[in-house]
Every structure is written in structure tokens, then in C-alpha cells.
Amino acid sequence: MLGSISITSTTERSHCQMKVEVTFKDVFDAKNEDELYEAVLEYLLYVVKYQDLTAFNFGEVKEE
């Protein structure tokens, strides 16, 4: 099973002055859905441990 994950999230906090869209896209190889979830969670733990956000894109959302 080849899994492709694309996440788009808009974060807005009432006390913050900016609205930011965070996007992430990667391809994971897995035999099944459970293995895919395990691989994604393992990757996210790596991101947190090493504070490596290079795979994420950040873009300010302009209010119209």
C-alpha cells in the first residue's frame, strides 16, 4: 500500500495577530492502513524530537 498524505490546517488563535496556513505533503510506503498510521506517527515524533519543520510549508492567510 502506498499512502499519500496531504494535510492543510489553518491555525488561528484569538490572542494572535496572524492567521497561518500550514501544509504538509509526503509519501509513505505501508502494507496496510495501520502500518501507514504507525509510520506517520513515528515521523511526527521525529519532527517534534528534532524540531525539524522543513517538510512543512507556512503561509500567512490574508483577511479579505
C-alpha atoms as a PDB file:
ATOM      1  CA  MET A   1       0.000   0.000   0.000  1.00  0.00           C
ATOM      2  CA  LEU A   2       1.347   3.369  -0.941  1.00  0.00           C
ATOM      3  CA  GLY A   3      -0.086   6.147   1.157  1.00  0.00           C
ATOM      4  CA  SER A   4      -0.015   9.784   0.265  1.00  0.00           C
ATOM      5  CA  ILE A   5      -0.931  12.264   2.921  1.00  0.00           C
ATOM      6  CA  SER A   6      -1.670  15.905   2.399  1.00  0.00           C
ATOM      7  CA  ILE A   7      -2.590  17.975   5.412  1.00  0.00           C
ATOM      8  CA  THR A   8      -3.797  21.544   5.281  1.00  0.00           C
ATOM      9  CA  SER A   9      -4.538  23.253   8.546  1.00  0.00           C
ATOM     10  CA  THR A  10      -5.385  26.836   9.325  1.00  0.00           C
ATOM     11  CA  THR A  11      -4.440  27.898  12.810  1.00  0.00           C
ATOM     12  CA  GLU A  12      -5.998  30.939  14.347  1.00  0.00           C
ATOM     13  CA  ARG A  13      -5.680  31.950  17.972  1.00  0.00           C
ATOM     14  CA  SER A  14      -7.760  34.776  19.395  1.00  0.00           C
ATOM     15  CA  HIS A  15      -4.719  36.405  21.033  1.00  0.00           C
ATOM     16  CA  CYS A  16      -2.532  36.222  17.905  1.00  0.00           C
ATOM     17  CA  GLN A  17      -2.258  38.814  15.193  1.00  0.00           C
ATOM     18  CA  MET A  18      -1.821  36.472  12.251  1.00  0.00           C
ATOM     19  CA  LYS A  19      -3.615  33.580  10.614  1.00  0.00           C
ATOM     20  CA  VAL A  20      -1.304  30.933   9.113  1.00  0.00           C
ATOM     21  CA  GLU A  21      -1.976  28.023   6.784  1.00  0.00           C
ATOM     22  CA  VAL A  22       0.309  25.050   7.445  1.00  0.00           C
ATOM     23  CA  THR A  23       0.632  22.423   4.719  1.00  0.00           C
ATOM     24  CA  PHE A  24       2.457  19.104   4.665  1.00  0.00           C
ATOM     25  CA  LYS A  25       2.736  16.553   1.923  1.00  0.00           C
ATOM     26  CA  ASP A  26       4.713  13.327   1.907  1.00  0.00           C
ATOM     27  CA  VAL A  27       4.511   9.783   0.562  1.00  0.00           C
ATOM     28  CA  PHE A  28       4.668   6.794   2.901  1.00  0.00           C
ATOM     29  CA  ASP A  29       5.033   3.130   1.957  1.00  0.00           C
ATOM     30  CA  ALA A  30       2.915   0.761   4.040  1.00  0.00           C
ATOM     31  CA  LYS A  31       1.371  -2.687   3.770  1.00  0.00           C
ATOM     32  CA  ASN A  32      -1.919  -1.594   5.317  1.00  0.00           C
ATOM     33  CA  GLU A  33      -3.681   1.355   6.939  1.00  0.00           C
ATOM     34  CA  ASP A  34      -2.469   0.505  10.456  1.00  0.00           C
ATOM     35  CA  GLU A  35       1.142   0.424   9.263  1.00  0.00           C
ATOM     36  CA  LEU A  36       0.596   3.721   7.472  1.00  0.00           C
ATOM     37  CA  TYR A  37      -0.712   5.397  10.639  1.00  0.00           C
ATOM     38  CA  GLU A  38       2.234   3.988  12.587  1.00  0.00           C
ATOM     39  CA  ALA A  39       4.687   5.400  10.025  1.00  0.00           C
ATOM     40  CA  VAL A  40       3.051   8.845  10.089  1.00  0.00           C
ATOM     41  CA  LEU A  41       3.008   8.977  13.890  1.00  0.00           C
ATOM     42  CA  GLU A  42       6.654   7.874  14.009  1.00  0.00           C
ATOM     43  CA  TYR A  43       7.542  10.637  11.560  1.00  0.00           C
ATOM     44  CA  LEU A  44       5.665  13.237  13.614  1.00  0.00           C
ATOM     45  CA  LEU A  45       7.513  12.122  16.761  1.00  0.00           C
ATOM     46  CA  TYR A  46      10.769  12.683  14.843  1.00  0.00           C
ATOM     47  CA  VAL A  47       9.566  16.159  13.854  1.00  0.00           C
ATOM     48  CA  VAL A  48       8.832  17.037  17.469  1.00  0.00           C
ATOM     49  CA  LYS A  49      12.019  15.493  18.897  1.00  0.00           C
ATOM     50  CA  TYR A  50      14.346  17.258  16.462  1.00  0.00           C
ATOM     51  CA  GLN A  51      12.174  20.334  15.894  1.00  0.00           C
ATOM     52  CA  ASP A  52      12.531  19.736  12.154  1.00  0.00           C
ATOM     53  CA  LEU A  53       9.776  21.575  10.308  1.00  0.00           C
ATOM     54  CA  THR A  54      11.457  21.516   6.894  1.00  0.00           C
ATOM     55  CA  ALA A  55       8.679  19.353   5.396  1.00  0.00           C
ATOM     56  CA  PHE A  56       6.023  21.873   6.400  1.00  0.00           C
ATOM     57  CA  ASN A  57       5.097  24.997   4.486  1.00  0.00           C
ATOM     58  CA  PHE A  58       3.806  28.078   6.282  1.00  0.00           C
ATOM     59  CA  GLY A  59       1.852  30.827   4.586  1.00  0.00           C
ATOM     60  CA  GLU A  60       0.086  33.783   6.104  1.00  0.00           C
ATOM     61  CA  VAL A  61      -3.610  33.938   5.299  1.00  0.00           C
ATOM     62  CA  LYS A  62      -4.671  37.478   4.432  1.00  0.00           C
ATOM     63  CA  GLU A  63      -8.118  38.519   5.582  1.00  0.00           C
ATOM     64  CA  GLU A  64     -10.202  39.985   2.804  1.00  0.00           C
END
